[in-house]
Amino acid sequence: MLAHHVLQPDLPLLVAHFLCFQLTRDGANTDTAAPQPDISDLPVSVFHSAVATFYAPSDLSGLGGMHSECIRSTPCWRKGHARYDTVFLEKDQNELGMKGLHVGRVFLFFSFTHNGIKYPSALIQWYVPVSDEADEDTGLWVVEPEHDANGQRRMDVVHVHSILRGAHLIPVYGRDRLPIDIQHTDALDIFNAYYVNKYIDHHAFEIAF
């Protein structure tokens, strides 16, 4: 029912893959060939926002450099269009800057309980770098939507603890004029590539180089 409501028919399969990974990682299931867990009757709660709290040493406006921001994923923002924010996610703690980060867009915040364990989760649409280095002219990394074998934008369910903070993407504009009926809410859907804006604040500049 939730998959139908959010127009993501693969959601049950993605949740099953996520739960199987969590159980294997936590040592509850060491057999990599084990069948996927049954999720047909899991109680699910849906949320339209989440708060990310992180340490931003160059921005001392918070207590000791701590900073919080709200990440939104809602079908109706202020009685208007939907709003699905983009975020940075942890990729590799041993790598610095963008090489250690993923960029994704949150299409759903939800949680479910399996065997007494609560899993706060997010449905993420992925963006991948178009190059191994930042753009030479702007100093910004350029990302593009990742697609699966069927040409659809790739999505996965992840644990919310893998989300670091919000990200800001700027479309890579072409030379043609945009149609007059384009809305700002269409920006993350209609362009082929995006700049990862590290200049949006101090902390983004520190991590997205």
N, C-alpha and C. Protein backbone atom coordinates (compact mmCIF):
# COMPACT_ATOMS: atom_id res chain seq x y z
N MET A 1 0.83 -1.20 0.00
CA MET A 1 0.00 0.00 0.00
C MET A 1 0.87 1.26 0.00
N LEU A 2 1.93 1.25 0.79
CA LEU A 2 2.82 2.41 0.83
C LEU A 2 3.52 2.60 -0.51
N ALA A 3 3.98 1.50 -1.12
CA ALA A 3 4.63 1.58 -2.42
C ALA A 3 3.70 2.22 -3.45
N HIS A 4 2.44 1.82 -3.42
CA HIS A 4 1.46 2.38 -4.35
C HIS A 4 1.23 3.87 -4.06
N HIS A 5 1.20 4.23 -2.78
CA HIS A 5 0.92 5.61 -2.40
C HIS A 5 2.05 6.54 -2.83
N VAL A 6 3.29 6.10 -2.73
CA VAL A 6 4.43 6.96 -3.08
C VAL A 6 4.91 6.73 -4.51
N LEU A 7 4.17 5.92 -5.27
CA LEU A 7 4.46 5.67 -6.68
C LEU A 7 5.85 5.06 -6.89
N GLN A 8 6.22 4.17 -5.98
CA GLN A 8 7.51 3.48 -6.08
C GLN A 8 7.25 1.98 -5.96
N PRO A 9 6.88 1.31 -7.06
CA PRO A 9 6.48 -0.10 -7.00
C PRO A 9 7.57 -1.04 -6.50
N ASP A 10 8.83 -0.65 -6.62
CA ASP A 10 9.92 -1.52 -6.17
C ASP A 10 10.23 -1.37 -4.68
N LEU A 11 9.47 -0.56 -3.96
CA LEU A 11 9.77 -0.31 -2.56
C LEU A 11 9.83 -1.58 -1.72
N PRO A 12 8.88 -2.53 -1.82
CA PRO A 12 8.99 -3.75 -1.01
C PRO A 12 10.27 -4.53 -1.27
N LEU A 13 10.68 -4.62 -2.52
CA LEU A 13 11.92 -5.33 -2.85
C LEU A 13 13.12 -4.60 -2.28
N LEU A 14 13.13 -3.27 -2.36
CA LEU A 14 14.25 -2.49 -1.83
C LEU A 14 14.33 -2.61 -0.31
N VAL A 15 13.18 -2.63 0.35
CA VAL A 15 13.17 -2.81 1.81
C VAL A 15 13.70 -4.19 2.18
N ALA A 16 13.31 -5.22 1.42
CA ALA A 16 13.80 -6.57 1.68
C ALA A 16 15.31 -6.66 1.51
N HIS A 17 15.84 -6.04 0.47
CA HIS A 17 17.29 -6.01 0.26
C HIS A 17 18.00 -5.30 1.41
N PHE A 18 17.43 -4.16 1.83
CA PHE A 18 18.01 -3.40 2.93
C PHE A 18 18.02 -4.21 4.22
N LEU A 19 16.90 -4.85 4.53
CA LEU A 19 16.80 -5.62 5.77
C LEU A 19 17.75 -6.81 5.74
N CYS A 20 17.86 -7.47 4.61
CA CYS A 20 18.78 -8.59 4.48
C CYS A 20 20.21 -8.14 4.73
N PHE A 21 20.57 -6.98 4.20
CA PHE A 21 21.92 -6.43 4.42
C PHE A 21 22.13 -6.12 5.90
N GLN A 22 21.13 -5.51 6.55
CA GLN A 22 21.26 -5.17 7.95
C GLN A 22 21.42 -6.42 8.81
N LEU A 23 20.66 -7.45 8.53
CA LEU A 23 20.74 -8.68 9.32
C LEU A 23 22.08 -9.37 9.12
N THR A 24 22.59 -9.35 7.91
CA THR A 24 23.89 -9.97 7.64
C THR A 24 25.00 -9.18 8.30
N ARG A 25 24.93 -7.85 8.21
CA ARG A 25 25.96 -7.00 8.80
C ARG A 25 25.99 -7.12 10.31
N ASP A 26 24.81 -7.27 10.92
CA ASP A 26 24.72 -7.35 12.38
C ASP A 26 25.02 -8.74 12.92
N GLY A 27 25.30 -9.69 12.02
CA GLY A 27 25.65 -11.03 12.46
C GLY A 27 24.46 -11.91 12.74
N ALA A 28 23.25 -11.41 12.48
CA ALA A 28 22.07 -12.23 12.73
C ALA A 28 21.90 -13.31 11.68
N ASN A 29 22.55 -13.10 10.52
CA ASN A 29 22.44 -14.08 9.45
C ASN A 29 23.75 -14.09 8.69
N THR A 30 24.53 -15.11 8.86
CA THR A 30 25.84 -15.17 8.24
C THR A 30 25.83 -15.91 6.92
N ASP A 31 24.70 -16.42 6.51
CA ASP A 31 24.58 -17.15 5.26
C ASP A 31 24.20 -16.18 4.16
N THR A 32 25.14 -15.83 3.28
CA THR A 32 24.87 -14.84 2.24
C THR A 32 23.85 -15.33 1.23
N ALA A 33 23.60 -16.63 1.18
CA ALA A 33 22.62 -17.17 0.24
C ALA A 33 21.26 -17.35 0.88
N ALA A 34 21.08 -16.88 2.11
CA ALA A 34 19.81 -17.06 2.82
C ALA A 34 18.70 -16.29 2.11
N PRO A 35 17.46 -16.79 2.17
CA PRO A 35 16.35 -16.09 1.52
C PRO A 35 16.08 -14.75 2.18
N GLN A 36 15.49 -13.85 1.41
CA GLN A 36 15.19 -12.53 1.94
C GLN A 36 14.09 -12.64 2.99
N PRO A 37 14.15 -11.80 4.03
CA PRO A 37 13.15 -11.86 5.10
C PRO A 37 11.77 -11.45 4.60
N ASP A 38 10.76 -11.98 5.26
CA ASP A 38 9.38 -11.66 4.91
C ASP A 38 9.02 -10.29 5.49
N ILE A 39 8.62 -9.36 4.65
CA ILE A 39 8.29 -8.01 5.11
C ILE A 39 6.82 -7.68 4.88
N SER A 40 6.02 -8.69 4.56
CA SER A 40 4.65 -8.44 4.14
C SER A 40 3.78 -7.83 5.24
N ASP A 41 4.11 -8.08 6.52
CA ASP A 41 3.26 -7.57 7.59
C ASP A 41 4.02 -6.67 8.55
N LEU A 42 5.09 -6.03 8.08
CA LEU A 42 5.85 -5.14 8.95
C LEU A 42 5.05 -3.86 9.23
N PRO A 43 4.96 -3.45 10.50
CA PRO A 43 4.36 -2.14 10.79
C PRO A 43 5.29 -1.02 10.35
N VAL A 44 4.76 -0.07 9.61
CA VAL A 44 5.58 1.00 9.01
C VAL A 44 5.05 2.36 9.46
N SER A 45 5.97 3.25 9.80
CA SER A 45 5.63 4.64 10.10
C SER A 45 6.33 5.54 9.09
N VAL A 46 5.62 6.56 8.62
CA VAL A 46 6.14 7.47 7.60
C VAL A 46 6.34 8.85 8.22
N PHE A 47 7.46 9.50 7.84
CA PHE A 47 7.77 10.83 8.34
C PHE A 47 8.08 11.74 7.14
N HIS A 48 7.76 13.02 7.29
CA HIS A 48 7.98 13.97 6.19
C HIS A 48 9.21 14.83 6.39
N SER A 49 9.95 14.59 7.45
CA SER A 49 11.20 15.33 7.66
C SER A 49 12.06 14.59 8.67
N ALA A 50 13.34 14.97 8.69
CA ALA A 50 14.28 14.45 9.67
C ALA A 50 15.27 15.56 9.99
N VAL A 51 15.85 15.51 11.17
CA VAL A 51 16.82 16.51 11.59
C VAL A 51 18.21 15.90 11.59
N ALA A 52 19.14 16.51 10.88
CA ALA A 52 20.54 16.09 10.88
C ALA A 52 21.32 17.00 11.81
N THR A 53 22.07 16.42 12.74
CA THR A 53 22.91 17.17 13.65
C THR A 53 24.36 16.78 13.40
N PHE A 54 25.22 17.76 13.17
CA PHE A 54 26.59 17.46 12.81
C PHE A 54 27.53 18.52 13.37
N TYR A 55 28.81 18.19 13.39
CA TYR A 55 29.84 19.08 13.91
C TYR A 55 30.42 19.90 12.77
N ALA A 56 30.29 21.21 12.86
CA ALA A 56 30.80 22.13 11.84
C ALA A 56 31.76 23.10 12.51
N PRO A 57 33.04 22.74 12.64
CA PRO A 57 33.98 23.55 13.43
C PRO A 57 34.18 24.96 12.92
N SER A 58 33.98 25.19 11.63
CA SER A 58 34.19 26.55 11.10
C SER A 58 32.96 27.43 11.27
N ASP A 59 31.84 26.85 11.70
CA ASP A 59 30.62 27.62 11.93
C ASP A 59 30.28 27.51 13.41
N LEU A 60 30.69 28.48 14.18
CA LEU A 60 30.56 28.42 15.64
C LEU A 60 29.25 29.02 16.14
N SER A 61 28.26 29.13 15.26
CA SER A 61 26.99 29.70 15.68
C SER A 61 26.27 28.78 16.66
N GLY A 62 26.54 27.47 16.57
CA GLY A 62 25.94 26.53 17.50
C GLY A 62 26.85 26.28 18.68
N LEU A 63 26.37 25.51 19.64
CA LEU A 63 27.13 25.20 20.83
C LEU A 63 28.34 24.35 20.46
N GLY A 64 29.53 24.92 20.59
CA GLY A 64 30.76 24.20 20.31
C GLY A 64 30.89 23.76 18.87
N GLY A 65 30.22 24.44 17.96
CA GLY A 65 30.31 24.08 16.55
C GLY A 65 29.28 23.07 16.09
N MET A 66 28.36 22.67 16.99
CA MET A 66 27.30 21.74 16.59
C MET A 66 26.22 22.49 15.81
N HIS A 67 25.73 21.84 14.79
CA HIS A 67 24.75 22.48 13.91
C HIS A 67 23.65 21.47 13.57
N SER A 68 22.43 21.95 13.44
CA SER A 68 21.29 21.10 13.07
C SER A 68 20.57 21.69 11.88
N GLU A 69 20.03 20.83 11.04
CA GLU A 69 19.23 21.30 9.92
C GLU A 69 18.13 20.29 9.63
N CYS A 70 17.05 20.77 9.09
CA CYS A 70 15.90 19.93 8.78
C CYS A 70 15.97 19.48 7.32
N ILE A 71 15.85 18.18 7.10
CA ILE A 71 15.80 17.61 5.76
C ILE A 71 14.37 17.17 5.50
N ARG A 72 13.80 17.63 4.40
CA ARG A 72 12.38 17.39 4.16
C ARG A 72 12.16 16.43 3.00
N SER A 73 11.15 15.61 3.16
CA SER A 73 10.70 14.71 2.10
C SER A 73 9.19 14.59 2.24
N THR A 74 8.49 15.47 1.55
CA THR A 74 7.06 15.58 1.75
C THR A 74 6.34 15.78 0.41
N PRO A 75 5.19 15.15 0.23
CA PRO A 75 4.43 15.32 -1.02
C PRO A 75 3.73 16.66 -1.13
N CYS A 76 3.73 17.42 -0.03
CA CYS A 76 3.07 18.73 -0.06
C CYS A 76 3.81 19.66 0.89
N TRP A 77 4.54 20.63 0.32
CA TRP A 77 5.33 21.55 1.13
C TRP A 77 4.62 22.90 1.17
N ARG A 78 4.20 23.30 2.38
CA ARG A 78 3.50 24.57 2.59
C ARG A 78 2.28 24.70 1.67
N LYS A 79 1.52 23.63 1.62
CA LYS A 79 0.27 23.57 0.84
C LYS A 79 0.52 23.75 -0.66
N GLY A 80 1.75 23.43 -1.09
CA GLY A 80 2.09 23.57 -2.50
C GLY A 80 2.64 22.29 -3.07
N HIS A 81 3.71 22.41 -3.84
CA HIS A 81 4.31 21.27 -4.51
C HIS A 81 5.05 20.37 -3.53
N ALA A 82 5.41 19.19 -4.01
CA ALA A 82 6.21 18.26 -3.21
C ALA A 82 7.62 18.83 -3.02
N ARG A 83 8.28 18.38 -1.97
CA ARG A 83 9.66 18.78 -1.71
C ARG A 83 10.45 17.56 -1.26
N TYR A 84 11.46 17.19 -2.05
CA TYR A 84 12.32 16.05 -1.75
C TYR A 84 13.76 16.54 -1.76
N ASP A 85 14.33 16.75 -0.59
CA ASP A 85 15.64 17.37 -0.46
C ASP A 85 16.77 16.41 -0.86
N THR A 86 17.90 17.00 -1.23
CA THR A 86 19.10 16.23 -1.55
C THR A 86 20.03 16.24 -0.34
N VAL A 87 20.83 15.17 -0.21
CA VAL A 87 21.65 14.99 0.98
C VAL A 87 23.02 14.42 0.61
N PHE A 88 23.97 14.60 1.53
CA PHE A 88 25.23 13.88 1.50
C PHE A 88 25.08 12.63 2.36
N LEU A 89 25.63 11.51 1.88
CA LEU A 89 25.63 10.26 2.64
C LEU A 89 27.05 9.75 2.74
N GLU A 90 27.35 9.08 3.84
CA GLU A 90 28.68 8.54 4.04
C GLU A 90 28.95 7.40 3.07
N LYS A 91 30.12 7.44 2.45
CA LYS A 91 30.54 6.42 1.50
C LYS A 91 31.78 5.68 1.99
N ASP A 92 32.84 6.42 2.29
CA ASP A 92 34.10 5.83 2.73
C ASP A 92 34.77 6.81 3.68
N GLN A 93 34.83 6.45 4.96
CA GLN A 93 35.41 7.34 5.96
C GLN A 93 36.91 7.53 5.78
N ASN A 94 37.53 6.68 5.00
CA ASN A 94 38.98 6.80 4.77
C ASN A 94 39.32 7.75 3.64
N GLU A 95 38.30 8.21 2.90
CA GLU A 95 38.52 9.14 1.80
C GLU A 95 38.07 10.53 2.22
N LEU A 96 38.74 11.55 1.68
CA LEU A 96 38.41 12.93 2.01
C LEU A 96 37.53 13.55 0.94
N GLY A 97 36.75 14.55 1.36
CA GLY A 97 35.94 15.29 0.41
C GLY A 97 34.89 14.44 -0.27
N MET A 98 34.58 14.81 -1.51
CA MET A 98 33.54 14.13 -2.26
C MET A 98 33.86 12.67 -2.56
N LYS A 99 35.13 12.32 -2.54
CA LYS A 99 35.50 10.93 -2.81
C LYS A 99 35.03 10.00 -1.69
N GLY A 100 34.71 10.57 -0.54
CA GLY A 100 34.22 9.76 0.56
C GLY A 100 32.73 9.92 0.80
N LEU A 101 32.02 10.58 -0.14
CA LEU A 101 30.60 10.87 0.04
C LEU A 101 29.77 10.39 -1.14
N HIS A 102 28.52 10.08 -0.85
CA HIS A 102 27.50 9.89 -1.87
C HIS A 102 26.60 11.13 -1.87
N VAL A 103 25.93 11.35 -2.98
CA VAL A 103 24.88 12.36 -3.07
C VAL A 103 23.59 11.67 -3.46
N GLY A 104 22.53 11.97 -2.74
CA GLY A 104 21.25 11.34 -3.04
C GLY A 104 20.10 12.30 -2.76
N ARG A 105 18.92 11.88 -3.20
CA ARG A 105 17.71 12.65 -2.97
C ARG A 105 16.73 11.79 -2.19
N VAL A 106 16.18 12.34 -1.12
CA VAL A 106 15.32 11.57 -0.22
C VAL A 106 13.87 11.63 -0.71
N PHE A 107 13.33 10.47 -1.08
CA PHE A 107 11.95 10.41 -1.53
C PHE A 107 11.00 9.88 -0.45
N LEU A 108 11.56 9.37 0.64
CA LEU A 108 10.69 8.87 1.71
C LEU A 108 11.51 8.64 2.96
N PHE A 109 11.03 9.17 4.07
CA PHE A 109 11.53 8.80 5.39
C PHE A 109 10.51 7.86 6.03
N PHE A 110 10.96 6.73 6.51
CA PHE A 110 10.05 5.79 7.15
C PHE A 110 10.84 4.92 8.12
N SER A 111 10.12 4.24 8.98
CA SER A 111 10.74 3.29 9.89
C SER A 111 9.86 2.06 10.01
N PHE A 112 10.48 0.94 10.33
CA PHE A 112 9.74 -0.30 10.55
C PHE A 112 10.47 -1.10 11.63
N THR A 113 9.76 -2.05 12.20
CA THR A 113 10.32 -2.90 13.25
C THR A 113 10.33 -4.34 12.80
N HIS A 114 11.48 -5.00 12.95
CA HIS A 114 11.63 -6.41 12.59
C HIS A 114 12.34 -7.13 13.73
N ASN A 115 11.70 -8.16 14.25
CA ASN A 115 12.26 -8.93 15.38
C ASN A 115 12.64 -8.04 16.55
N GLY A 116 11.81 -7.05 16.82
CA GLY A 116 12.03 -6.18 17.96
C GLY A 116 13.03 -5.07 17.74
N ILE A 117 13.60 -4.96 16.55
CA ILE A 117 14.59 -3.92 16.24
C ILE A 117 13.96 -2.90 15.30
N LYS A 118 14.10 -1.63 15.65
CA LYS A 118 13.54 -0.55 14.82
C LYS A 118 14.57 -0.09 13.82
N TYR A 119 14.17 0.05 12.57
CA TYR A 119 15.06 0.48 11.50
C TYR A 119 14.56 1.80 10.90
N PRO A 120 15.11 2.94 11.33
CA PRO A 120 14.78 4.21 10.68
C PRO A 120 15.46 4.27 9.31
N SER A 121 14.67 4.50 8.28
CA SER A 121 15.17 4.29 6.91
C SER A 121 14.80 5.45 6.01
N ALA A 122 15.42 5.46 4.84
CA ALA A 122 15.13 6.47 3.84
C ALA A 122 15.23 5.84 2.45
N LEU A 123 14.32 6.24 1.58
CA LEU A 123 14.37 5.83 0.18
C LEU A 123 15.14 6.88 -0.59
N ILE A 124 16.28 6.48 -1.15
CA ILE A 124 17.22 7.42 -1.76
C ILE A 124 17.34 7.20 -3.27
N GLN A 125 17.29 8.30 -4.00
CA GLN A 125 17.61 8.29 -5.44
C GLN A 125 19.05 8.79 -5.58
N TRP A 126 19.88 8.03 -6.29
CA TRP A 126 21.32 8.29 -6.30
C TRP A 126 21.76 9.23 -7.43
N TYR A 127 22.80 10.00 -7.10
CA TYR A 127 23.53 10.78 -8.09
C TYR A 127 24.99 10.33 -8.05
N VAL A 128 25.62 10.23 -9.19
CA VAL A 128 27.01 9.76 -9.25
C VAL A 128 27.87 10.81 -9.96
N PRO A 129 29.14 10.93 -9.57
CA PRO A 129 30.03 11.90 -10.22
C PRO A 129 30.24 11.55 -11.69
N VAL A 130 30.34 12.56 -12.53
CA VAL A 130 30.59 12.34 -13.95
C VAL A 130 32.08 12.23 -14.24
N SER A 131 32.92 12.56 -13.23
CA SER A 131 34.36 12.52 -13.40
C SER A 131 35.00 12.14 -12.07
N ASP A 132 36.28 11.80 -12.12
CA ASP A 132 37.02 11.47 -10.90
C ASP A 132 37.56 12.70 -10.18
N GLU A 133 37.35 13.86 -10.77
CA GLU A 133 37.83 15.11 -10.18
C GLU A 133 36.75 16.19 -10.30
N ALA A 134 36.91 17.24 -9.51
CA ALA A 134 36.00 18.37 -9.58
C ALA A 134 36.17 19.11 -10.90
N ASP A 135 35.14 19.86 -11.30
CA ASP A 135 35.20 20.66 -12.51
C ASP A 135 36.31 21.68 -12.42
N GLU A 136 37.13 21.78 -13.44
CA GLU A 136 38.31 22.64 -13.42
C GLU A 136 37.95 24.11 -13.35
N ASP A 137 36.86 24.51 -14.00
CA ASP A 137 36.50 25.92 -14.07
C ASP A 137 35.83 26.42 -12.79
N THR A 138 34.97 25.61 -12.20
CA THR A 138 34.19 26.07 -11.05
C THR A 138 34.72 25.55 -9.72
N GLY A 139 35.51 24.49 -9.73
CA GLY A 139 35.94 23.85 -8.50
C GLY A 139 34.87 23.01 -7.85
N LEU A 140 33.75 22.82 -8.55
CA LEU A 140 32.63 22.05 -8.02
C LEU A 140 32.58 20.67 -8.67
N TRP A 141 32.19 19.68 -7.90
CA TRP A 141 31.96 18.36 -8.47
C TRP A 141 30.66 18.37 -9.26
N VAL A 142 30.63 17.62 -10.33
CA VAL A 142 29.43 17.49 -11.16
C VAL A 142 28.91 16.06 -11.02
N VAL A 143 27.61 15.95 -10.74
CA VAL A 143 26.98 14.64 -10.60
C VAL A 143 25.82 14.53 -11.57
N GLU A 144 25.43 13.30 -11.84
CA GLU A 144 24.29 13.03 -12.70
C GLU A 144 23.45 11.92 -12.08
N PRO A 145 22.16 11.85 -12.39
CA PRO A 145 21.34 10.77 -11.85
C PRO A 145 21.86 9.41 -12.30
N GLU A 146 21.92 8.47 -11.37
CA GLU A 146 22.34 7.11 -11.71
C GLU A 146 21.15 6.32 -12.20
N HIS A 147 21.35 5.51 -13.24
CA HIS A 147 20.27 4.72 -13.83
C HIS A 147 20.58 3.24 -13.71
N ASP A 148 19.51 2.44 -13.61
CA ASP A 148 19.68 0.99 -13.55
C ASP A 148 19.70 0.40 -14.95
N ALA A 149 19.70 -0.93 -15.04
CA ALA A 149 19.80 -1.59 -16.34
C ALA A 149 18.59 -1.32 -17.22
N ASN A 150 17.47 -0.92 -16.62
CA ASN A 150 16.26 -0.63 -17.38
C ASN A 150 16.12 0.84 -17.75
N GLY A 151 17.15 1.62 -17.43
CA GLY A 151 17.10 3.04 -17.76
C GLY A 151 16.34 3.88 -16.77
N GLN A 152 15.92 3.28 -15.64
CA GLN A 152 15.22 4.02 -14.60
C GLN A 152 16.22 4.57 -13.59
N ARG A 153 15.88 5.68 -12.98
CA ARG A 153 16.76 6.24 -11.96
C ARG A 153 16.89 5.26 -10.79
N ARG A 154 18.13 4.98 -10.41
CA ARG A 154 18.37 3.97 -9.39
C ARG A 154 18.01 4.50 -8.01
N MET A 155 17.35 3.63 -7.23
CA MET A 155 16.95 3.99 -5.88
C MET A 155 17.28 2.83 -4.95
N ASP A 156 17.55 3.16 -3.69
CA ASP A 156 17.83 2.16 -2.66
C ASP A 156 17.25 2.64 -1.35
N VAL A 157 17.03 1.69 -0.45
CA VAL A 157 16.68 2.02 0.93
C VAL A 157 17.94 1.96 1.77
N VAL A 158 18.18 3.00 2.56
CA VAL A 158 19.37 3.08 3.40
C VAL A 158 18.95 3.41 4.83
N HIS A 159 19.86 3.18 5.75
CA HIS A 159 19.64 3.56 7.15
C HIS A 159 19.84 5.07 7.27
N VAL A 160 18.98 5.74 8.03
CA VAL A 160 19.09 7.20 8.12
C VAL A 160 20.40 7.64 8.76
N HIS A 161 21.04 6.75 9.51
CA HIS A 161 22.31 7.13 10.13
C HIS A 161 23.43 7.30 9.10
N SER A 162 23.21 6.84 7.88
CA SER A 162 24.21 7.03 6.83
C SER A 162 24.11 8.42 6.20
N ILE A 163 23.04 9.17 6.52
CA ILE A 163 22.87 10.53 6.00
C ILE A 163 23.68 11.49 6.86
N LEU A 164 24.54 12.25 6.21
CA LEU A 164 25.41 13.19 6.93
C LEU A 164 24.72 14.53 7.16
N ARG A 165 24.21 15.11 6.08
CA ARG A 165 23.56 16.42 6.15
C ARG A 165 22.94 16.72 4.79
N GLY A 166 22.29 17.86 4.66
CA GLY A 166 21.71 18.25 3.39
C GLY A 166 22.77 18.66 2.38
N ALA A 167 22.42 18.51 1.11
CA ALA A 167 23.29 18.93 0.01
C ALA A 167 22.52 19.90 -0.88
N HIS A 168 23.25 20.74 -1.60
CA HIS A 168 22.62 21.70 -2.51
C HIS A 168 23.15 21.48 -3.91
N LEU A 169 22.25 21.20 -4.85
CA LEU A 169 22.63 20.94 -6.24
C LEU A 169 22.17 22.09 -7.12
N ILE A 170 23.03 22.47 -8.08
CA ILE A 170 22.72 23.51 -9.05
C ILE A 170 22.72 22.87 -10.44
N PRO A 171 21.67 23.03 -11.21
CA PRO A 171 21.65 22.42 -12.55
C PRO A 171 22.81 22.91 -13.42
N VAL A 172 23.33 22.02 -14.24
CA VAL A 172 24.29 22.40 -15.28
C VAL A 172 23.45 22.82 -16.48
N TYR A 173 23.31 24.11 -16.67
CA TYR A 173 22.43 24.63 -17.72
C TYR A 173 23.08 24.50 -19.09
N GLY A 174 22.25 24.31 -20.08
CA GLY A 174 22.72 24.29 -21.45
C GLY A 174 22.61 25.67 -22.07
N ARG A 175 22.61 25.71 -23.39
CA ARG A 175 22.53 26.99 -24.11
C ARG A 175 21.11 27.35 -24.52
N ASP A 176 20.19 26.41 -24.41
CA ASP A 176 18.82 26.67 -24.84
C ASP A 176 18.02 27.37 -23.73
N ARG A 177 17.01 28.09 -24.15
CA ARG A 177 16.11 28.73 -23.20
C ARG A 177 15.24 27.67 -22.53
N LEU A 178 14.93 27.89 -21.26
CA LEU A 178 14.02 26.99 -20.56
C LEU A 178 12.59 27.34 -20.91
N PRO A 179 11.71 26.33 -20.99
CA PRO A 179 10.29 26.62 -21.22
C PRO A 179 9.73 27.53 -20.14
N ILE A 180 8.79 28.37 -20.53
CA ILE A 180 8.28 29.39 -19.62
C ILE A 180 7.49 28.77 -18.46
N ASP A 181 6.99 27.54 -18.65
CA ASP A 181 6.16 26.93 -17.60
C ASP A 181 6.97 26.08 -16.63
N ILE A 182 8.30 26.11 -16.72
CA ILE A 182 9.12 25.35 -15.80
C ILE A 182 9.04 25.98 -14.40
N GLN A 183 8.84 25.14 -13.40
CA GLN A 183 8.79 25.59 -12.02
C GLN A 183 10.09 25.23 -11.30
N HIS A 184 10.38 25.91 -10.20
CA HIS A 184 11.58 25.60 -9.44
C HIS A 184 11.55 24.17 -8.89
N THR A 185 10.34 23.65 -8.69
CA THR A 185 10.21 22.29 -8.17
C THR A 185 10.57 21.24 -9.21
N ASP A 186 10.74 21.64 -10.46
CA ASP A 186 11.11 20.70 -11.53
C ASP A 186 12.62 20.56 -11.67
N ALA A 187 13.39 21.40 -10.96
CA ALA A 187 14.82 21.52 -11.25
C ALA A 187 15.57 20.20 -11.10
N LEU A 188 15.22 19.38 -10.12
CA LEU A 188 15.95 18.14 -9.89
C LEU A 188 15.48 16.99 -10.77
N ASP A 189 14.52 17.26 -11.65
CA ASP A 189 13.97 16.21 -12.51
C ASP A 189 14.30 16.37 -13.98
N ILE A 190 14.63 17.57 -14.43
CA ILE A 190 14.68 17.82 -15.87
C ILE A 190 16.07 18.03 -16.43
N PHE A 191 17.09 18.15 -15.58
CA PHE A 191 18.44 18.38 -16.08
C PHE A 191 19.25 17.09 -16.04
N ASN A 192 20.26 17.04 -16.90
CA ASN A 192 21.07 15.83 -17.02
C ASN A 192 22.21 15.77 -16.01
N ALA A 193 22.65 16.93 -15.50
CA ALA A 193 23.78 16.97 -14.57
C ALA A 193 23.62 18.16 -13.64
N TYR A 194 24.33 18.08 -12.50
CA TYR A 194 24.21 19.10 -11.47
C TYR A 194 25.56 19.37 -10.82
N TYR A 195 25.80 20.64 -10.47
CA TYR A 195 26.95 20.99 -9.65
C TYR A 195 26.60 20.74 -8.18
N VAL A 196 27.55 20.17 -7.44
CA VAL A 196 27.40 20.03 -5.98
C VAL A 196 27.94 21.31 -5.36
N ASN A 197 27.06 22.13 -4.84
CA ASN A 197 27.42 23.48 -4.40
C ASN A 197 28.11 23.45 -3.03
N LYS A 198 29.42 23.53 -3.04
CA LYS A 198 30.17 23.55 -1.79
C LYS A 198 30.20 24.95 -1.17
N TYR A 199 29.70 25.94 -1.90
CA TYR A 199 29.73 27.31 -1.40
C TYR A 199 28.45 27.68 -0.64
N ILE A 200 27.57 26.73 -0.42
CA ILE A 200 26.29 27.04 0.22
C ILE A 200 26.48 27.42 1.70
N ASP A 201 27.52 26.85 2.36
CA ASP A 201 27.84 27.24 3.73
C ASP A 201 29.25 26.74 4.08
N HIS A 202 29.73 27.11 5.27
CA HIS A 202 31.09 26.75 5.69
C HIS A 202 31.31 25.25 5.70
N HIS A 203 30.38 24.51 6.28
CA HIS A 203 30.58 23.07 6.45
C HIS A 203 30.58 22.37 5.11
N ALA A 204 29.71 22.74 4.20
CA ALA A 204 29.70 22.13 2.86
C ALA A 204 31.03 22.38 2.17
N PHE A 205 31.60 23.56 2.36
CA PHE A 205 32.90 23.87 1.74
C PHE A 205 33.99 22.96 2.28
N GLU A 206 33.87 22.60 3.56
CA GLU A 206 34.88 21.74 4.19
C GLU A 206 34.81 20.29 3.74
N ILE A 207 33.60 19.82 3.41
CA ILE A 207 33.46 18.39 3.14
C ILE A 207 33.31 18.04 1.66
N ALA A 208 32.86 18.97 0.84
CA ALA A 208 32.53 18.67 -0.56
C ALA A 208 33.59 19.16 -1.52
N PHE A 209 34.88 19.00 -1.18
CA PHE A 209 35.94 19.46 -2.06
C PHE A 209 36.45 18.29 -2.92
